[in-house]
Amino acid sequence: MDYYTLVILGALIGFLALAALLLVPVYRFLQREDEAARRFTAEYLRRQQAARPNGADEETPEPPTQS
């Protein structure tokens, strides 16, 4: 193996390590978001709608009017 092959292999391994370092947190974040989205089933949404039939929280005041 000559010098160029070592440089190419080093650059390739470095690039793959950097890509993994940057993409693994993104992948884990997307997995957590996917799991959170699965919790919003039709049954869960039905229960939430039954708890608040008008769609508003009791603590929320009237929305401000635009002037």
PDB file of N, CA and C in Angstrom:
ATOM      1  N   MET A   1       0.846  -1.183   0.000  1.00  0.00           N
ATOM      2  CA  MET A   1       0.000   0.000   0.000  1.00  0.00           C
ATOM      3  C   MET A   1       0.888   1.241   0.000  1.00  0.00           C
ATOM      4  N   ASP A   2       0.534   2.128  -0.832  1.00  0.00           N
ATOM      5  CA  ASP A   2       1.308   3.356  -0.889  1.00  0.00           C
ATOM      6  C   ASP A   2       0.659   4.439  -0.020  1.00  0.00           C
ATOM      7  N   TYR A   3       1.274   5.579  -0.002  1.00  0.00           N
ATOM      8  CA  TYR A   3       0.851   6.673   0.867  1.00  0.00           C
ATOM      9  C   TYR A   3      -0.553   7.159   0.526  1.00  0.00           C
ATOM     10  N   TYR A   4      -0.893   7.234  -0.754  1.00  0.00           N
ATOM     11  CA  TYR A   4      -2.210   7.724  -1.164  1.00  0.00           C
ATOM     12  C   TYR A   4      -3.333   6.832  -0.662  1.00  0.00           C
ATOM     13  N   THR A   5      -3.105   5.544  -0.658  1.00  0.00           N
ATOM     14  CA  THR A   5      -4.121   4.610  -0.182  1.00  0.00           C
ATOM     15  C   THR A   5      -4.396   4.839   1.303  1.00  0.00           C
ATOM     16  N   LEU A   6      -3.347   5.080   2.072  1.00  0.00           N
ATOM     17  CA  LEU A   6      -3.524   5.339   3.495  1.00  0.00           C
ATOM     18  C   LEU A   6      -4.285   6.636   3.734  1.00  0.00           C
ATOM     19  N   VAL A   7      -3.992   7.652   2.955  1.00  0.00           N
ATOM     20  CA  VAL A   7      -4.698   8.925   3.094  1.00  0.00           C
ATOM     21  C   VAL A   7      -6.171   8.761   2.728  1.00  0.00           C
ATOM     22  N   ILE A   8      -6.438   8.035   1.645  1.00  0.00           N
ATOM     23  CA  ILE A   8      -7.821   7.813   1.223  1.00  0.00           C
ATOM     24  C   ILE A   8      -8.580   7.025   2.279  1.00  0.00           C
ATOM     25  N   LEU A   9      -7.983   5.966   2.805  1.00  0.00           N
ATOM     26  CA  LEU A   9      -8.634   5.174   3.843  1.00  0.00           C
ATOM     27  C   LEU A   9      -8.862   5.991   5.113  1.00  0.00           C
ATOM     28  N   GLY A  10      -7.876   6.787   5.494  1.00  0.00           N
ATOM     29  CA  GLY A  10      -8.033   7.638   6.678  1.00  0.00           C
ATOM     30  C   GLY A  10      -9.143   8.652   6.506  1.00  0.00           C
ATOM     31  N   ALA A  11      -9.220   9.266   5.316  1.00  0.00           N
ATOM     32  CA  ALA A  11     -10.277  10.240   5.052  1.00  0.00           C
ATOM     33  C   ALA A  11     -11.645   9.558   5.041  1.00  0.00           C
ATOM     34  N   LEU A  12     -11.716   8.381   4.463  1.00  0.00           N
ATOM     35  CA  LEU A  12     -12.992   7.659   4.408  1.00  0.00           C
ATOM     36  C   LEU A  12     -13.456   7.264   5.808  1.00  0.00           C
ATOM     37  N   ILE A  13     -12.562   6.743   6.607  1.00  0.00           N
ATOM     38  CA  ILE A  13     -12.920   6.358   7.981  1.00  0.00           C
ATOM     39  C   ILE A  13     -13.291   7.590   8.798  1.00  0.00           C
ATOM     40  N   GLY A  14     -12.563   8.675   8.636  1.00  0.00           N
ATOM     41  CA  GLY A  14     -12.891   9.908   9.337  1.00  0.00           C
ATOM     42  C   GLY A  14     -14.242  10.455   8.930  1.00  0.00           C
ATOM     43  N   PHE A  15     -14.536  10.400   7.643  1.00  0.00           N
ATOM     44  CA  PHE A  15     -15.830  10.878   7.164  1.00  0.00           C
ATOM     45  C   PHE A  15     -16.963  10.031   7.730  1.00  0.00           C
ATOM     46  N   LEU A  16     -16.792   8.722   7.720  1.00  0.00           N
ATOM     47  CA  LEU A  16     -17.834   7.843   8.252  1.00  0.00           C
ATOM     48  C   LEU A  16     -18.029   8.057   9.753  1.00  0.00           C
ATOM     49  N   ALA A  17     -16.942   8.265  10.487  1.00  0.00           N
ATOM     50  CA  ALA A  17     -17.065   8.526  11.924  1.00  0.00           C
ATOM     51  C   ALA A  17     -17.780   9.853  12.181  1.00  0.00           C
ATOM     52  N   LEU A  18     -17.449  10.873  11.414  1.00  0.00           N
ATOM     53  CA  LEU A  18     -18.103  12.170  11.570  1.00  0.00           C
ATOM     54  C   LEU A  18     -19.581  12.082  11.206  1.00  0.00           C
ATOM     55  N   ALA A  19     -19.899  11.362  10.150  1.00  0.00           N
ATOM     56  CA  ALA A  19     -21.300  11.200   9.754  1.00  0.00           C
ATOM     57  C   ALA A  19     -22.084  10.488  10.847  1.00  0.00           C
ATOM     58  N   ALA A  20     -21.499   9.442  11.426  1.00  0.00           N
ATOM     59  CA  ALA A  20     -22.184   8.723  12.501  1.00  0.00           C
ATOM     60  C   ALA A  20     -22.356   9.630  13.717  1.00  0.00           C
ATOM     61  N   LEU A  21     -21.328  10.391  14.035  1.00  0.00           N
ATOM     62  CA  LEU A  21     -21.390  11.290  15.184  1.00  0.00           C
ATOM     63  C   LEU A  21     -22.499  12.323  15.025  1.00  0.00           C
ATOM     64  N   LEU A  22     -22.728  12.770  13.813  1.00  0.00           N
ATOM     65  CA  LEU A  22     -23.747  13.788  13.581  1.00  0.00           C
ATOM     66  C   LEU A  22     -25.136  13.199  13.363  1.00  0.00           C
ATOM     67  N   LEU A  23     -25.230  12.029  12.780  1.00  0.00           N
ATOM     68  CA  LEU A  23     -26.533  11.490  12.417  1.00  0.00           C
ATOM     69  C   LEU A  23     -27.184  10.639  13.491  1.00  0.00           C
ATOM     70  N   VAL A  24     -26.424  10.068  14.401  1.00  0.00           N
ATOM     71  CA  VAL A  24     -27.019   9.243  15.452  1.00  0.00           C
ATOM     72  C   VAL A  24     -27.950  10.060  16.350  1.00  0.00           C
ATOM     73  N   PRO A  25     -27.587  11.249  16.811  1.00  0.00           N
ATOM     74  CA  PRO A  25     -28.542  12.030  17.618  1.00  0.00           C
ATOM     75  C   PRO A  25     -29.810  12.407  16.838  1.00  0.00           C
ATOM     76  N   VAL A  26     -29.670  12.696  15.559  1.00  0.00           N
ATOM     77  CA  VAL A  26     -30.842  13.019  14.748  1.00  0.00           C
ATOM     78  C   VAL A  26     -31.750  11.803  14.654  1.00  0.00           C
ATOM     79  N   TYR A  27     -31.173  10.636  14.433  1.00  0.00           N
ATOM     80  CA  TYR A  27     -31.956   9.402  14.343  1.00  0.00           C
ATOM     81  C   TYR A  27     -32.680   9.126  15.658  1.00  0.00           C
ATOM     82  N   ARG A  28     -31.995   9.294  16.778  1.00  0.00           N
ATOM     83  CA  ARG A  28     -32.628   9.052  18.078  1.00  0.00           C
ATOM     84  C   ARG A  28     -33.763  10.038  18.330  1.00  0.00           C
ATOM     85  N   PHE A  29     -33.580  11.306  17.942  1.00  0.00           N
ATOM     86  CA  PHE A  29     -34.637  12.301  18.091  1.00  0.00           C
ATOM     87  C   PHE A  29     -35.859  11.916  17.263  1.00  0.00           C
ATOM     88  N   LEU A  30     -35.644  11.493  16.032  1.00  0.00           N
ATOM     89  CA  LEU A  30     -36.758  11.107  15.183  1.00  0.00           C
ATOM     90  C   LEU A  30     -37.477   9.877  15.722  1.00  0.00           C
ATOM     91  N   GLN A  31     -36.753   8.964  16.335  1.00  0.00           N
ATOM     92  CA  GLN A  31     -37.388   7.796  16.933  1.00  0.00           C
ATOM     93  C   GLN A  31     -38.274   8.200  18.109  1.00  0.00           C
ATOM     94  N   ARG A  32     -37.798   9.133  18.948  1.00  0.00           N
ATOM     95  CA  ARG A  32     -38.615   9.614  20.072  1.00  0.00           C
ATOM     96  C   ARG A  32     -39.866  10.321  19.570  1.00  0.00           C
ATOM     97  N   GLU A  33     -39.747  11.119  18.518  1.00  0.00           N
ATOM     98  CA  GLU A  33     -40.897  11.815  17.960  1.00  0.00           C
ATOM     99  C   GLU A  33     -41.893  10.833  17.358  1.00  0.00           C
ATOM    100  N   ASP A  34     -41.395   9.788  16.738  1.00  0.00           N
ATOM    101  CA  ASP A  34     -42.282   8.772  16.178  1.00  0.00           C
ATOM    102  C   ASP A  34     -43.052   8.057  17.282  1.00  0.00           C
ATOM    103  N   GLU A  35     -42.376   7.772  18.382  1.00  0.00           N
ATOM    104  CA  GLU A  35     -43.045   7.126  19.517  1.00  0.00           C
ATOM    105  C   GLU A  35     -44.096   8.053  20.128  1.00  0.00           C
ATOM    106  N   ALA A  36     -43.795   9.335  20.219  1.00  0.00           N
ATOM    107  CA  ALA A  36     -44.765  10.289  20.752  1.00  0.00           C
ATOM    108  C   ALA A  36     -45.976  10.404  19.823  1.00  0.00           C
ATOM    109  N   ALA A  37     -45.755  10.330  18.536  1.00  0.00           N
ATOM    110  CA  ALA A  37     -46.865  10.411  17.592  1.00  0.00           C
ATOM    111  C   ALA A  37     -47.764   9.187  17.701  1.00  0.00           C
ATOM    112  N   ARG A  38     -47.203   8.046  18.016  1.00  0.00           N
ATOM    113  CA  ARG A  38     -48.012   6.831  18.146  1.00  0.00           C
ATOM    114  C   ARG A  38     -48.942   6.894  19.351  1.00  0.00           C
ATOM    115  N   ARG A  39     -48.597   7.718  20.346  1.00  0.00           N
ATOM    116  CA  ARG A  39     -49.459   7.830  21.520  1.00  0.00           C
ATOM    117  C   ARG A  39     -50.763   8.546  21.210  1.00  0.00           C
ATOM    118  N   PHE A  40     -50.790   9.324  20.133  1.00  0.00           N
ATOM    119  CA  PHE A  40     -52.000  10.053  19.769  1.00  0.00           C
ATOM    120  C   PHE A  40     -52.901   9.148  18.942  1.00  0.00           C
ATOM    121  N   THR A  41     -53.443   8.157  19.594  1.00  0.00           N
ATOM    122  CA  THR A  41     -54.360   7.246  18.931  1.00  0.00           C
ATOM    123  C   THR A  41     -55.761   7.857  18.907  1.00  0.00           C
ATOM    124  N   ALA A  42     -56.636   7.213  18.180  1.00  0.00           N
ATOM    125  CA  ALA A  42     -58.015   7.704  18.098  1.00  0.00           C
ATOM    126  C   ALA A  42     -58.680   7.669  19.474  1.00  0.00           C
ATOM    127  N   GLU A  43     -58.396   6.631  20.262  1.00  0.00           N
ATOM    128  CA  GLU A  43     -58.985   6.534  21.603  1.00  0.00           C
ATOM    129  C   GLU A  43     -58.490   7.672  22.502  1.00  0.00           C
ATOM    130  N   TYR A  44     -57.206   7.975  22.459  1.00  0.00           N
ATOM    131  CA  TYR A  44     -56.653   9.071  23.256  1.00  0.00           C
ATOM    132  C   TYR A  44     -57.296  10.395  22.867  1.00  0.00           C
ATOM    133  N   LEU A  45     -57.424  10.639  21.577  1.00  0.00           N
ATOM    134  CA  LEU A  45     -58.023  11.891  21.130  1.00  0.00           C
ATOM    135  C   LEU A  45     -59.499  11.969  21.503  1.00  0.00           C
ATOM    136  N   ARG A  46     -60.200  10.844  21.480  1.00  0.00           N
ATOM    137  CA  ARG A  46     -61.606  10.831  21.891  1.00  0.00           C
ATOM    138  C   ARG A  46     -61.739  11.192  23.361  1.00  0.00           C
ATOM    139  N   ARG A  47     -60.842  10.639  24.192  1.00  0.00           N
ATOM    140  CA  ARG A  47     -60.893  10.959  25.625  1.00  0.00           C
ATOM    141  C   ARG A  47     -60.590  12.427  25.872  1.00  0.00           C
ATOM    142  N   GLN A  48     -59.625  12.983  25.136  1.00  0.00           N
ATOM    143  CA  GLN A  48     -59.301  14.398  25.297  1.00  0.00           C
ATOM    144  C   GLN A  48     -60.469  15.273  24.862  1.00  0.00           C
ATOM    145  N   GLN A  49     -61.135  14.886  23.796  1.00  0.00           N
ATOM    146  CA  GLN A  49     -62.266  15.670  23.326  1.00  0.00           C
ATOM    147  C   GLN A  49     -63.437  15.576  24.295  1.00  0.00           C
ATOM    148  N   ALA A  50     -63.618  14.413  24.912  1.00  0.00           N
ATOM    149  CA  ALA A  50     -64.694  14.268  25.886  1.00  0.00           C
ATOM    150  C   ALA A  50     -64.404  15.097  27.136  1.00  0.00           C
ATOM    151  N   ALA A  51     -63.131  15.227  27.497  1.00  0.00           N
ATOM    152  CA  ALA A  51     -62.770  16.012  28.672  1.00  0.00           C
ATOM    153  C   ALA A  51     -62.978  17.508  28.428  1.00  0.00           C
ATOM    154  N   ARG A  52     -62.745  17.952  27.203  1.00  0.00           N
ATOM    155  CA  ARG A  52     -62.935  19.362  26.839  1.00  0.00           C
ATOM    156  C   ARG A  52     -63.811  19.439  25.595  1.00  0.00           C
ATOM    157  N   PRO A  53     -65.122  19.400  25.761  1.00  0.00           N
ATOM    158  CA  PRO A  53     -66.008  19.334  24.594  1.00  0.00           C
ATOM    159  C   PRO A  53     -65.948  20.553  23.687  1.00  0.00           C
ATOM    160  N   ASN A  54     -65.678  21.729  24.251  1.00  0.00           N
ATOM    161  CA  ASN A  54     -65.633  22.917  23.399  1.00  0.00           C
ATOM    162  C   ASN A  54     -64.249  23.150  22.815  1.00  0.00           C
ATOM    163  N   GLY A  55     -63.273  22.317  23.174  1.00  0.00           N
ATOM    164  CA  GLY A  55     -61.931  22.421  22.617  1.00  0.00           C
ATOM    165  C   GLY A  55     -61.038  23.419  23.307  1.00  0.00           C
ATOM    166  N   ALA A  56     -61.499  24.068  24.357  1.00  0.00           N
ATOM    167  CA  ALA A  56     -60.682  25.065  25.046  1.00  0.00           C
ATOM    168  C   ALA A  56     -60.460  24.638  26.485  1.00  0.00           C
ATOM    169  N   ASP A  57     -59.345  25.064  27.038  1.00  0.00           N
ATOM    170  CA  ASP A  57     -59.075  24.827  28.451  1.00  0.00           C
ATOM    171  C   ASP A  57     -59.916  25.778  29.287  1.00  0.00           C
ATOM    172  N   GLU A  58     -60.259  25.347  30.479  1.00  0.00           N
ATOM    173  CA  GLU A  58     -61.052  26.202  31.359  1.00  0.00           C
ATOM    174  C   GLU A  58     -60.229  27.391  31.844  1.00  0.00           C
ATOM    175  N   GLU A  59     -58.905  27.227  31.921  1.00  0.00           N
ATOM    176  CA  GLU A  59     -58.049  28.287  32.457  1.00  0.00           C
ATOM    177  C   GLU A  59     -57.750  29.363  31.425  1.00  0.00           C
ATOM    178  N   THR A  60     -58.004  29.086  30.175  1.00  0.00           N
ATOM    179  CA  THR A  60     -57.662  30.026  29.125  1.00  0.00           C
ATOM    180  C   THR A  60     -58.713  31.119  29.038  1.00  0.00           C
ATOM    181  N   PRO A  61     -58.309  32.383  29.140  1.00  0.00           N
ATOM    182  CA  PRO A  61     -59.289  33.474  29.013  1.00  0.00           C
ATOM    183  C   PRO A  61     -59.674  33.662  27.551  1.00  0.00           C
ATOM    184  N   GLU A  62     -60.601  34.583  27.339  1.00  0.00           N
ATOM    185  CA  GLU A  62     -61.027  34.908  25.977  1.00  0.00           C
ATOM    186  C   GLU A  62     -59.810  35.393  25.178  1.00  0.00           C
ATOM    187  N   PRO A  63     -59.754  35.047  23.906  1.00  0.00           N
ATOM    188  CA  PRO A  63     -58.618  35.531  23.114  1.00  0.00           C
ATOM    189  C   PRO A  63     -58.704  37.034  22.933  1.00  0.00           C
ATOM    190  N   PRO A  64     -57.580  37.696  22.897  1.00  0.00           N
ATOM    191  CA  PRO A  64     -57.607  39.157  22.728  1.00  0.00           C
ATOM    192  C   PRO A  64     -58.088  39.522  21.330  1.00  0.00           C
ATOM    193  N   THR A  65     -58.765  40.654  21.252  1.00  0.00           N
ATOM    194  CA  THR A  65     -59.249  41.123  19.952  1.00  0.00           C
ATOM    195  C   THR A  65     -58.153  41.926  19.279  1.00  0.00           C
ATOM    196  N   GLN A  66     -58.166  41.880  17.966  1.00  0.00           N
ATOM    197  CA  GLN A  66     -57.174  42.669  17.228  1.00  0.00           C
ATOM    198  C   GLN A  66     -57.653  44.096  17.116  1.00  0.00           C
ATOM    199  N   SER A  67     -56.733  45.027  17.257  1.00  0.00           N
ATOM    200  CA  SER A  67     -57.125  46.430  17.132  1.00  0.00           C
ATOM    201  C   SER A  67     -56.434  47.083  15.984  1.00  0.00           C
TER     202      SER A  67
END
